Amino acid sequence: MEGYNQGELLSNKHKAAHVDCIDCHENGIEDKVKETIWYVTDDFGDPPAKRHFDNKMCTKCHSDMDALVAKTDKGSGVNPHNSHLGDLTCSDCHKMHNQSKAACQNCHSKWPTEAPAMHQTACKSLKSIYHDSKRLQKLIDDGVVKSADSLKELARQMNLPYEKVKAEVERYNEMARKGFDDDFYKRKECLTTIEKPPFYAAHISIALLVTLGGLKSAAQISKAS
């Protein structure tokens, strides 16, 4: 109720748009009986159980997903409604009674400032399992992916010499800060430092090799000029 009546939460935004709780929470008789008992006995869960809705709940008012994709396509190649994570549900990013947070930030802590500058996104069919937070956690639990709050601990888990790992990360960070990749010539817009934990590592082999936003050919350069 606090979030519904005040603050910057989406529940308050819906109140301002004259959307009442019951417009979304359409309870049946059984639900109403349970809630009456909880109210009378003051025996609510703490925190209360969350209800989960599919996208149809939101698109009743907010048009359809194709329209939302078009609305948030700014031509930069980064579109929150056309994510390489696959088919997200609205609630993965938009929280009604808690602070909303883009799902991209589950992996990319610097996503809000750096993703728009990269001007590209991968085809959905090429999305990596490492960009799915739930599958990533399963891989961590199974020991396939290693995760640690320090590079030293990550190196230990990977059976790698810490000094070499540290040196490689420091070299990459140095290139990222100066904006030029001396090793692989990655575009400067896609260079970002590796500084904030948690850190991840895994043994990965190439299954498919393609170029996304790669080198310009002589023909392309000639045509552009």
C-alpha atoms as a PDB file:
ATOM      1  CA  MET A   1       0.000   0.000   0.000  1.00  0.00           C
ATOM      2  CA  GLU A   2       2.898   2.372   0.716  1.00  0.00           C
ATOM      3  CA  GLY A   3       4.249   1.857  -2.788  1.00  0.00           C
ATOM      4  CA  TYR A   4       0.784   2.314  -4.282  1.00  0.00           C
ATOM      5  CA  ASN A   5       0.207   5.619  -2.534  1.00  0.00           C
ATOM      6  CA  GLN A   6       3.623   7.261  -2.804  1.00  0.00           C
ATOM      7  CA  GLY A   7       7.080   6.980  -4.317  1.00  0.00           C
ATOM      8  CA  GLU A   8       8.446   6.214  -7.764  1.00  0.00           C
ATOM      9  CA  LEU A   9       7.286   2.604  -8.018  1.00  0.00           C
ATOM     10  CA  LEU A  10       5.188   1.438 -10.953  1.00  0.00           C
ATOM     11  CA  SER A  11       2.268   0.756  -8.620  1.00  0.00           C
ATOM     12  CA  ASN A  12       2.128   4.502  -7.897  1.00  0.00           C
ATOM     13  CA  LYS A  13       2.394   5.291 -11.623  1.00  0.00           C
ATOM     14  CA  HIS A  14      -0.594   3.030 -12.238  1.00  0.00           C
ATOM     15  CA  LYS A  15      -2.547   4.789  -9.509  1.00  0.00           C
ATOM     16  CA  ALA A  16      -1.880   8.112 -11.248  1.00  0.00           C
ATOM     17  CA  ALA A  17      -3.266   6.544 -14.445  1.00  0.00           C
ATOM     18  CA  HIS A  18      -6.418   5.542 -12.496  1.00  0.00           C
ATOM     19  CA  VAL A  19      -5.591   1.833 -12.579  1.00  0.00           C
ATOM     20  CA  ASP A  20      -6.809   0.166  -9.380  1.00  0.00           C
ATOM     21  CA  CYS A  21      -5.332  -2.941  -7.768  1.00  0.00           C
ATOM     22  CA  ILE A  22      -8.342  -5.020  -8.734  1.00  0.00           C
ATOM     23  CA  ASP A  23      -7.816  -4.141 -12.401  1.00  0.00           C
ATOM     24  CA  CYS A  24      -4.758  -6.414 -12.375  1.00  0.00           C
ATOM     25  CA  HIS A  25      -5.411  -8.660  -9.376  1.00  0.00           C
ATOM     26  CA  GLU A  26      -8.661 -10.290 -10.434  1.00  0.00           C
ATOM     27  CA  ASN A  27      -9.211 -12.785  -7.624  1.00  0.00           C
ATOM     28  CA  GLY A  28     -11.577 -15.699  -7.710  1.00  0.00           C
ATOM     29  CA  ILE A  29     -13.801 -16.745  -4.789  1.00  0.00           C
ATOM     30  CA  GLU A  30     -11.114 -19.043  -3.343  1.00  0.00           C
ATOM     31  CA  ASP A  31      -8.519 -16.259  -3.449  1.00  0.00           C
ATOM     32  CA  LYS A  32     -10.901 -13.810  -1.770  1.00  0.00           C
ATOM     33  CA  VAL A  33     -11.646 -16.281   1.046  1.00  0.00           C
ATOM     34  CA  LYS A  34      -7.913 -16.854   1.667  1.00  0.00           C
ATOM     35  CA  GLU A  35      -7.152 -13.152   1.717  1.00  0.00           C
ATOM     36  CA  THR A  36     -10.062 -12.483   4.107  1.00  0.00           C
ATOM     37  CA  ILE A  37      -8.698 -15.114   6.503  1.00  0.00           C
ATOM     38  CA  TRP A  38      -5.192 -13.640   6.265  1.00  0.00           C
ATOM     39  CA  TYR A  39      -6.581 -10.157   6.928  1.00  0.00           C
ATOM     40  CA  VAL A  40      -8.677 -11.202   9.922  1.00  0.00           C
ATOM     41  CA  THR A  41      -5.935 -13.324  11.505  1.00  0.00           C
ATOM     42  CA  ASP A  42      -3.145 -10.918  10.528  1.00  0.00           C
ATOM     43  CA  ASP A  43      -1.246 -13.973   9.331  1.00  0.00           C
ATOM     44  CA  PHE A  44       0.429 -12.783   6.150  1.00  0.00           C
ATOM     45  CA  GLY A  45       3.631 -14.240   4.818  1.00  0.00           C
ATOM     46  CA  ASP A  46       6.707 -12.072   5.353  1.00  0.00           C
ATOM     47  CA  PRO A  47       7.607 -11.277   2.690  1.00  0.00           C
ATOM     48  CA  PRO A  48       4.247 -12.015   1.093  1.00  0.00           C
ATOM     49  CA  ALA A  49       4.125 -14.557  -1.702  1.00  0.00           C
ATOM     50  CA  LYS A  50       4.573 -13.052  -5.161  1.00  0.00           C
ATOM     51  CA  ARG A  51       2.084 -13.564  -7.935  1.00  0.00           C
ATOM     52  CA  HIS A  52       3.373 -14.169 -11.444  1.00  0.00           C
ATOM     53  CA  PHE A  53       1.659 -12.975 -14.598  1.00  0.00           C
ATOM     54  CA  ASP A  54       2.481 -13.507 -18.251  1.00  0.00           C
ATOM     55  CA  ASN A  55       2.827 -10.641 -20.733  1.00  0.00           C
ATOM     56  CA  LYS A  56      -0.891 -10.707 -21.544  1.00  0.00           C
ATOM     57  CA  MET A  57      -1.516  -8.946 -18.240  1.00  0.00           C
ATOM     58  CA  CYS A  58       0.575  -5.950 -19.345  1.00  0.00           C
ATOM     59  CA  THR A  59      -0.328  -5.885 -23.025  1.00  0.00           C
ATOM     60  CA  LYS A  60      -4.015  -5.450 -22.150  1.00  0.00           C
ATOM     61  CA  CYS A  61      -3.117  -1.775 -21.750  1.00  0.00           C
ATOM     62  CA  HIS A  62       0.353  -1.438 -23.223  1.00  0.00           C
ATOM     63  CA  SER A  63      -0.352  -2.562 -26.794  1.00  0.00           C
ATOM     64  CA  ASP A  64       1.375  -5.693 -28.132  1.00  0.00           C
ATOM     65  CA  MET A  65       5.046  -6.700 -27.958  1.00  0.00           C
ATOM     66  CA  ASP A  66       5.734  -5.892 -31.625  1.00  0.00           C
ATOM     67  CA  ALA A  67       4.535  -2.343 -31.032  1.00  0.00           C
ATOM     68  CA  LEU A  68       6.707  -2.039 -27.918  1.00  0.00           C
ATOM     69  CA  VAL A  69       9.764  -3.287 -29.822  1.00  0.00           C
ATOM     70  CA  ALA A  70       9.159  -0.663 -32.499  1.00  0.00           C
ATOM     71  CA  LYS A  71       8.596   2.059 -29.894  1.00  0.00           C
ATOM     72  CA  THR A  72      11.941   1.452 -28.156  1.00  0.00           C
ATOM     73  CA  ASP A  73      13.977   0.971 -31.331  1.00  0.00           C
ATOM     74  CA  LYS A  74      16.194   4.066 -31.364  1.00  0.00           C
ATOM     75  CA  GLY A  75      18.384   2.813 -34.213  1.00  0.00           C
ATOM     76  CA  SER A  76      21.370   2.180 -31.941  1.00  0.00           C
ATOM     77  CA  GLY A  77      21.167  -1.627 -32.115  1.00  0.00           C
ATOM     78  CA  VAL A  78      20.388  -1.846 -28.384  1.00  0.00           C
ATOM     79  CA  ASN A  79      16.714  -2.450 -27.707  1.00  0.00           C
ATOM     80  CA  PRO A  80      15.483  -3.601 -24.269  1.00  0.00           C
ATOM     81  CA  HIS A  81      12.378  -5.161 -25.842  1.00  0.00           C
ATOM     82  CA  ASN A  82      14.395  -7.101 -28.437  1.00  0.00           C
ATOM     83  CA  SER A  83      16.988  -8.713 -26.188  1.00  0.00           C
ATOM     84  CA  HIS A  84      19.477 -11.455 -27.032  1.00  0.00           C
ATOM     85  CA  LEU A  85      18.365 -13.024 -23.761  1.00  0.00           C
ATOM     86  CA  GLY A  86      15.368 -14.370 -25.627  1.00  0.00           C
ATOM     87  CA  ASP A  87      11.718 -13.982 -24.772  1.00  0.00           C
ATOM     88  CA  LEU A  88      11.680 -12.118 -21.489  1.00  0.00           C
ATOM     89  CA  THR A  89       8.519 -11.470 -19.522  1.00  0.00           C
ATOM     90  CA  CYS A  90       7.665  -7.887 -18.604  1.00  0.00           C
ATOM     91  CA  SER A  91       8.262  -8.619 -14.921  1.00  0.00           C
ATOM     92  CA  ASP A  92      11.892  -9.577 -15.581  1.00  0.00           C
ATOM     93  CA  CYS A  93      12.594  -5.836 -15.765  1.00  0.00           C
ATOM     94  CA  HIS A  94       9.463  -4.013 -14.619  1.00  0.00           C
ATOM     95  CA  LYS A  95       8.671  -4.442 -10.925  1.00  0.00           C
ATOM     96  CA  MET A  96       5.334  -3.204  -9.686  1.00  0.00           C
ATOM     97  CA  HIS A  97       6.006  -3.003  -5.947  1.00  0.00           C
ATOM     98  CA  ASN A  98       9.820  -2.935  -5.978  1.00  0.00           C
ATOM     99  CA  GLN A  99      12.444  -0.886  -7.793  1.00  0.00           C
ATOM    100  CA  SER A 100      12.537  -1.802 -11.479  1.00  0.00           C
ATOM    101  CA  LYS A 101      15.839  -2.978 -12.933  1.00  0.00           C
ATOM    102  CA  ALA A 102      16.822  -3.888 -16.486  1.00  0.00           C
ATOM    103  CA  ALA A 103      17.540  -7.607 -16.851  1.00  0.00           C
ATOM    104  CA  CYS A 104      20.730  -6.657 -18.733  1.00  0.00           C
ATOM    105  CA  GLN A 105      22.193  -5.499 -15.420  1.00  0.00           C
ATOM    106  CA  ASN A 106      22.167  -9.068 -14.074  1.00  0.00           C
ATOM    107  CA  CYS A 107      25.317  -9.630 -16.133  1.00  0.00           C
ATOM    108  CA  HIS A 108      26.396  -6.169 -17.236  1.00  0.00           C
ATOM    109  CA  SER A 109      26.775  -3.898 -14.208  1.00  0.00           C
ATOM    110  CA  LYS A 110      27.823  -1.025 -16.461  1.00  0.00           C
ATOM    111  CA  TRP A 111      25.124  -1.720 -19.033  1.00  0.00           C
ATOM    112  CA  PRO A 112      23.109   1.524 -18.567  1.00  0.00           C
ATOM    113  CA  THR A 113      26.001   3.727 -19.663  1.00  0.00           C
ATOM    114  CA  GLU A 114      28.005   1.463 -21.965  1.00  0.00           C
ATOM    115  CA  ALA A 115      25.512  -0.654 -23.907  1.00  0.00           C
ATOM    116  CA  PRO A 116      24.041   2.277 -25.904  1.00  0.00           C
ATOM    117  CA  ALA A 117      27.551   3.186 -27.090  1.00  0.00           C
ATOM    118  CA  MET A 118      28.177  -0.277 -28.582  1.00  0.00           C
ATOM    119  CA  HIS A 119      25.533   0.208 -31.299  1.00  0.00           C
ATOM    120  CA  GLN A 120      24.993  -3.478 -31.951  1.00  0.00           C
ATOM    121  CA  THR A 121      23.225  -6.571 -30.758  1.00  0.00           C
ATOM    122  CA  ALA A 122      23.555 -10.214 -31.713  1.00  0.00           C
ATOM    123  CA  CYS A 123      20.909 -12.186 -33.551  1.00  0.00           C
ATOM    124  CA  LYS A 124      18.533 -13.903 -31.142  1.00  0.00           C
ATOM    125  CA  SER A 125      19.379 -17.312 -32.620  1.00  0.00           C
ATOM    126  CA  LEU A 126      23.001 -16.782 -31.551  1.00  0.00           C
ATOM    127  CA  LYS A 127      22.298 -15.827 -27.948  1.00  0.00           C
ATOM    128  CA  SER A 128      24.676 -17.412 -25.465  1.00  0.00           C
ATOM    129  CA  ILE A 129      23.579 -19.530 -22.534  1.00  0.00           C
ATOM    130  CA  TYR A 130      25.914 -17.392 -20.454  1.00  0.00           C
ATOM    131  CA  HIS A 131      23.561 -14.426 -20.962  1.00  0.00           C
ATOM    132  CA  ASP A 132      20.649 -16.223 -19.311  1.00  0.00           C
ATOM    133  CA  SER A 133      20.960 -15.514 -15.585  1.00  0.00           C
ATOM    134  CA  LYS A 134      18.997 -18.614 -14.524  1.00  0.00           C
ATOM    135  CA  ARG A 135      20.983 -20.980 -16.738  1.00  0.00           C
ATOM    136  CA  LEU A 136      24.210 -19.267 -15.723  1.00  0.00           C
ATOM    137  CA  GLN A 137      23.426 -19.889 -12.050  1.00  0.00           C
ATOM    138  CA  LYS A 138      22.712 -23.549 -12.847  1.00  0.00           C
ATOM    139  CA  LEU A 139      26.126 -23.817 -14.561  1.00  0.00           C
ATOM    140  CA  ILE A 140      27.762 -22.238 -11.500  1.00  0.00           C
ATOM    141  CA  ASP A 141      25.958 -24.694  -9.204  1.00  0.00           C
ATOM    142  CA  ASP A 142      27.142 -27.577 -11.416  1.00  0.00           C
ATOM    143  CA  GLY A 143      30.731 -26.303 -11.384  1.00  0.00           C
ATOM    144  CA  VAL A 144      30.863 -25.675 -15.133  1.00  0.00           C
ATOM    145  CA  VAL A 145      31.289 -21.921 -14.629  1.00  0.00           C
ATOM    146  CA  LYS A 146      33.424 -20.557 -11.825  1.00  0.00           C
ATOM    147  CA  SER A 147      32.448 -17.408  -9.967  1.00  0.00           C
ATOM    148  CA  ALA A 148      34.299 -15.443  -7.294  1.00  0.00           C
ATOM    149  CA  ASP A 149      34.431 -12.010  -5.702  1.00  0.00           C
ATOM    150  CA  SER A 150      38.171 -11.683  -6.366  1.00  0.00           C
ATOM    151  CA  LEU A 151      40.456 -12.513  -9.282  1.00  0.00           C
ATOM    152  CA  LYS A 152      42.760 -14.398  -6.923  1.00  0.00           C
ATOM    153  CA  GLU A 153      39.986 -16.741  -5.839  1.00  0.00           C
ATOM    154  CA  LEU A 154      38.801 -17.135  -9.435  1.00  0.00           C
ATOM    155  CA  ALA A 155      42.316 -18.088 -10.542  1.00  0.00           C
ATOM    156  CA  ARG A 156      42.495 -20.664  -7.733  1.00  0.00           C
ATOM    157  CA  GLN A 157      39.190 -22.218  -8.839  1.00  0.00           C
ATOM    158  CA  MET A 158      40.429 -22.408 -12.432  1.00  0.00           C
ATOM    159  CA  ASN A 159      43.832 -23.834 -11.436  1.00  0.00           C
ATOM    160  CA  LEU A 160      45.562 -20.911 -13.129  1.00  0.00           C
ATOM    161  CA  PRO A 161      48.548 -18.913 -11.829  1.00  0.00           C
ATOM    162  CA  TYR A 162      47.123 -15.787 -10.222  1.00  0.00           C
ATOM    163  CA  GLU A 163      49.935 -13.478 -11.360  1.00  0.00           C
ATOM    164  CA  LYS A 164      49.315 -14.358 -15.018  1.00  0.00           C
ATOM    165  CA  VAL A 165      45.557 -13.896 -14.658  1.00  0.00           C
ATOM    166  CA  LYS A 166      46.113 -10.568 -12.922  1.00  0.00           C
ATOM    167  CA  ALA A 167      48.547  -9.436 -15.638  1.00  0.00           C
ATOM    168  CA  GLU A 168      46.118 -10.328 -18.452  1.00  0.00           C
ATOM    169  CA  VAL A 169      43.242  -8.467 -16.809  1.00  0.00           C
ATOM    170  CA  GLU A 170      45.422  -5.435 -16.086  1.00  0.00           C
ATOM    171  CA  ARG A 171      46.598  -5.362 -19.711  1.00  0.00           C
ATOM    172  CA  TYR A 172      43.042  -5.558 -21.009  1.00  0.00           C
ATOM    173  CA  ASN A 173      41.900  -2.826 -18.611  1.00  0.00           C
ATOM    174  CA  GLU A 174      44.764  -0.622 -19.749  1.00  0.00           C
ATOM    175  CA  MET A 175      43.741  -1.043 -23.402  1.00  0.00           C
ATOM    176  CA  ALA A 176      40.091  -0.415 -22.502  1.00  0.00           C
ATOM    177  CA  ARG A 177      40.974   2.840 -20.742  1.00  0.00           C
ATOM    178  CA  LYS A 178      43.042   4.162 -23.631  1.00  0.00           C
ATOM    179  CA  GLY A 179      40.384   3.043 -26.108  1.00  0.00           C
ATOM    180  CA  PHE A 180      42.559   0.899 -28.368  1.00  0.00           C
ATOM    181  CA  ASP A 181      42.870  -2.899 -28.473  1.00  0.00           C
ATOM    182  CA  ASP A 182      46.465  -3.690 -29.429  1.00  0.00           C
ATOM    183  CA  ASP A 183      45.788  -7.442 -29.477  1.00  0.00           C
ATOM    184  CA  PHE A 184      42.558  -7.979 -31.428  1.00  0.00           C
ATOM    185  CA  TYR A 185      41.610  -4.458 -32.541  1.00  0.00           C
ATOM    186  CA  LYS A 186      38.172  -4.562 -30.987  1.00  0.00           C
ATOM    187  CA  ARG A 187      36.177  -1.386 -31.593  1.00  0.00           C
ATOM    188  CA  LYS A 188      36.767   1.112 -28.787  1.00  0.00           C
ATOM    189  CA  GLU A 189      33.002   1.391 -28.164  1.00  0.00           C
ATOM    190  CA  CYS A 190      33.051  -2.280 -27.127  1.00  0.00           C
ATOM    191  CA  LEU A 191      36.013  -2.010 -24.758  1.00  0.00           C
ATOM    192  CA  THR A 192      35.087  -2.005 -21.085  1.00  0.00           C
ATOM    193  CA  THR A 193      37.164  -2.611 -17.988  1.00  0.00           C
ATOM    194  CA  ILE A 194      36.930  -5.734 -15.826  1.00  0.00           C
ATOM    195  CA  GLU A 195      36.872  -4.342 -12.299  1.00  0.00           C
ATOM    196  CA  LYS A 196      33.690  -5.039 -10.376  1.00  0.00           C
ATOM    197  CA  PRO A 197      32.927  -8.430  -8.802  1.00  0.00           C
ATOM    198  CA  PRO A 198      31.587 -10.977  -9.180  1.00  0.00           C
ATOM    199  CA  PHE A 199      34.057 -12.335 -11.746  1.00  0.00           C
ATOM    200  CA  TYR A 200      33.319 -15.349 -13.959  1.00  0.00           C
ATOM    201  CA  ALA A 201      35.453 -17.871 -15.820  1.00  0.00           C
ATOM    202  CA  ALA A 202      34.793 -21.018 -17.834  1.00  0.00           C
ATOM    203  CA  HIS A 203      36.517 -23.315 -20.297  1.00  0.00           C
ATOM    204  CA  ILE A 204      34.856 -22.393 -23.591  1.00  0.00           C
ATOM    205  CA  SER A 205      35.485 -23.811 -27.056  1.00  0.00           C
ATOM    206  CA  ILE A 206      34.315 -22.221 -30.311  1.00  0.00           C
ATOM    207  CA  ALA A 207      31.241 -23.910 -31.733  1.00  0.00           C
ATOM    208  CA  LEU A 208      30.368 -21.261 -34.309  1.00  0.00           C
ATOM    209  CA  LEU A 209      32.618 -18.491 -35.599  1.00  0.00           C
ATOM    210  CA  VAL A 210      31.021 -15.460 -37.220  1.00  0.00           C
ATOM    211  CA  THR A 211      31.721 -11.752 -37.507  1.00  0.00           C
ATOM    212  CA  LEU A 212      29.277  -9.337 -35.889  1.00  0.00           C
ATOM    213  CA  GLY A 213      30.047  -5.675 -36.508  1.00  0.00           C
ATOM    214  CA  GLY A 214      33.476  -6.730 -37.737  1.00  0.00           C
ATOM    215  CA  LEU A 215      36.003  -5.399 -40.223  1.00  0.00           C
ATOM    216  CA  LYS A 216      34.926  -3.199 -43.110  1.00  0.00           C
ATOM    217  CA  SER A 217      35.895  -4.493 -46.537  1.00  0.00           C
ATOM    218  CA  ALA A 218      37.541  -2.306 -49.164  1.00  0.00           C
ATOM    219  CA  ALA A 219      34.300  -2.372 -51.147  1.00  0.00           C
ATOM    220  CA  GLN A 220      32.306  -1.135 -48.142  1.00  0.00           C
ATOM    221  CA  ILE A 221      34.775   1.656 -47.461  1.00  0.00           C
ATOM    222  CA  SER A 222      34.728   2.724 -51.115  1.00  0.00           C
ATOM    223  CA  LYS A 223      30.923   2.705 -51.197  1.00  0.00           C
ATOM    224  CA  ALA A 224      30.682   4.664 -47.931  1.00  0.00           C
ATOM    225  CA  SER A 225      33.074   7.314 -49.220  1.00  0.00           C
END
